[in-house]
Amino acid sequence: MKKWLIGCCVILLLGVAGVFVYKNYEKHQTPTAVRVDGSDYALTDEPADLKEIGDFVGEVQHLVDRYELPKRNLESNFLKKGTKIYLEKKQNESLAQIVFYERDGEKFVAREIIETR
């Protein structure tokens, strides 16, 4: 009886530990992102084609926790407050949109995150 009770406790603890590890793993899968006009954009290290950069949208206003997606416009989970954000000159309606962000004096591409659920 005592061994059975200890076995059940061990199984319960392993189950709780498994759930914790899984949730922690899922949390760390969150991409670095910025929210612009209601859409989230995943940051890349892809250099921007300067001919494609359009209008200045604004600057990052708020920084949220690294492992949560931004919820408000001009909010990021990675970019510093004050980072400049630009739109793409020609926006293709059928493809995912891109915006550009400035880091260390250079401009990079951020691609729209499209959920496929």
Protein backbone atom coordinates (compact mmCIF):
# COMPACT_ATOMS: atom_id res chain seq x y z
CA MET A 1 0.00 0.00 0.00
CA LYS A 2 2.82 2.40 0.91
CA LYS A 3 4.67 1.73 -2.39
CA TRP A 4 1.47 2.30 -4.35
CA LEU A 5 0.93 5.69 -2.67
CA ILE A 6 4.54 6.75 -3.31
CA GLY A 7 4.22 5.63 -6.94
CA CYS A 8 1.07 7.71 -7.42
CA CYS A 9 2.76 10.78 -5.89
CA VAL A 10 5.78 10.36 -8.18
CA ILE A 11 3.54 10.05 -11.26
CA LEU A 12 1.57 13.14 -10.20
CA LEU A 13 4.76 15.16 -9.70
CA LEU A 14 6.12 14.06 -13.09
CA GLY A 15 2.84 15.10 -14.73
CA VAL A 16 2.92 18.56 -13.11
CA ALA A 17 6.59 18.97 -14.07
CA GLY A 18 5.79 17.94 -17.65
CA VAL A 19 3.02 20.54 -17.94
CA PHE A 20 5.34 23.24 -16.56
CA VAL A 21 8.14 22.34 -19.01
CA TYR A 22 5.72 22.31 -21.96
CA LYS A 23 4.23 25.71 -21.07
CA ASN A 24 7.71 27.17 -20.64
CA TYR A 25 8.74 25.74 -24.04
CA GLU A 26 5.66 27.22 -25.74
CA LYS A 27 6.29 30.58 -24.13
CA HIS A 28 9.82 30.71 -25.55
CA GLN A 29 8.55 30.13 -29.11
CA THR A 30 7.23 33.71 -29.26
CA PRO A 31 8.95 35.61 -32.11
CA THR A 32 10.52 39.04 -31.67
CA ALA A 33 7.80 41.32 -33.00
CA VAL A 34 6.39 44.80 -33.42
CA ARG A 35 2.71 45.75 -33.85
CA VAL A 36 1.82 48.26 -36.56
CA ASP A 37 -1.76 49.18 -37.51
CA GLY A 38 -3.27 46.14 -35.79
CA SER A 39 -0.91 43.54 -37.29
CA ASP A 40 2.09 41.83 -35.74
CA TYR A 41 5.36 41.76 -37.67
CA ALA A 42 8.21 39.33 -36.98
CA LEU A 43 11.59 41.05 -36.91
CA THR A 44 14.26 39.70 -39.25
CA ASP A 45 17.90 40.56 -39.76
CA GLU A 46 17.20 40.86 -43.48
CA PRO A 47 18.63 44.18 -44.75
CA ALA A 48 16.04 46.50 -46.27
CA ASP A 49 16.05 47.54 -49.92
CA LEU A 50 16.16 51.32 -49.48
CA LYS A 51 14.06 51.81 -52.64
CA GLU A 52 11.16 49.94 -51.01
CA ILE A 53 10.97 52.06 -47.85
CA GLY A 54 7.93 54.29 -47.76
CA ASP A 55 6.32 56.58 -45.23
CA PHE A 56 7.46 56.92 -41.63
CA VAL A 57 4.78 55.38 -39.39
CA GLY A 58 6.13 56.34 -36.00
CA GLU A 59 8.39 55.15 -33.22
CA VAL A 60 8.03 52.24 -30.83
CA GLN A 61 6.08 53.65 -27.88
CA HIS A 62 6.06 50.72 -25.44
CA LEU A 63 8.19 47.67 -24.70
CA VAL A 64 6.40 44.54 -23.42
CA ASP A 65 7.77 41.32 -21.94
CA ARG A 66 10.00 39.45 -24.41
CA TYR A 67 7.78 36.36 -24.34
CA GLU A 68 4.43 37.97 -25.12
CA LEU A 69 3.17 39.40 -28.39
CA PRO A 70 2.49 43.15 -28.54
CA LYS A 71 -1.15 44.15 -28.12
CA ARG A 72 -1.14 47.88 -28.89
CA ASN A 73 -0.03 49.85 -31.93
CA LEU A 74 3.71 50.71 -32.03
CA GLU A 75 4.50 48.26 -29.25
CA SER A 76 7.31 45.68 -29.38
CA ASN A 77 8.65 42.79 -27.34
CA PHE A 78 12.22 43.39 -28.51
CA LEU A 79 12.83 46.78 -30.16
CA LYS A 80 13.89 49.67 -27.96
CA LYS A 81 11.48 52.50 -27.25
CA GLY A 82 11.97 55.16 -29.94
CA THR A 83 12.90 52.74 -32.75
CA LYS A 84 11.67 54.20 -36.06
CA ILE A 85 9.15 52.16 -38.12
CA TYR A 86 8.46 52.65 -41.85
CA LEU A 87 5.85 51.28 -44.26
CA GLU A 88 6.56 49.57 -47.56
CA LYS A 89 6.18 51.86 -50.63
CA LYS A 90 4.03 49.52 -52.68
CA GLN A 91 1.81 47.22 -50.69
CA ASN A 92 0.70 44.03 -52.41
CA GLU A 93 -2.74 43.04 -51.11
CA SER A 94 -2.35 39.33 -51.91
CA LEU A 95 0.93 38.79 -50.06
CA ALA A 96 1.98 39.26 -46.46
CA GLN A 97 2.90 42.87 -45.80
CA ILE A 98 6.25 44.08 -44.58
CA VAL A 99 7.40 47.07 -42.58
CA PHE A 100 10.90 48.30 -41.92
CA TYR A 101 12.63 49.11 -38.66
CA GLU A 102 15.83 50.98 -37.92
CA ARG A 103 18.55 49.50 -35.72
CA ASP A 104 22.09 50.85 -35.26
CA GLY A 105 21.64 53.24 -38.19
CA GLU A 106 20.58 50.47 -40.60
CA LYS A 107 17.12 49.45 -41.79
CA PHE A 108 15.79 45.90 -41.67
CA VAL A 109 12.66 44.00 -42.76
CA ALA A 110 9.85 42.89 -40.45
CA ARG A 111 7.38 40.45 -42.04
CA GLU A 112 3.70 40.17 -41.13
CA ILE A 113 2.84 37.24 -38.89
CA ILE A 114 -0.05 35.33 -40.43
CA GLU A 115 -1.74 32.86 -38.11
CA THR A 116 -2.75 29.59 -39.75
CA ARG A 117 -5.08 28.16 -37.12
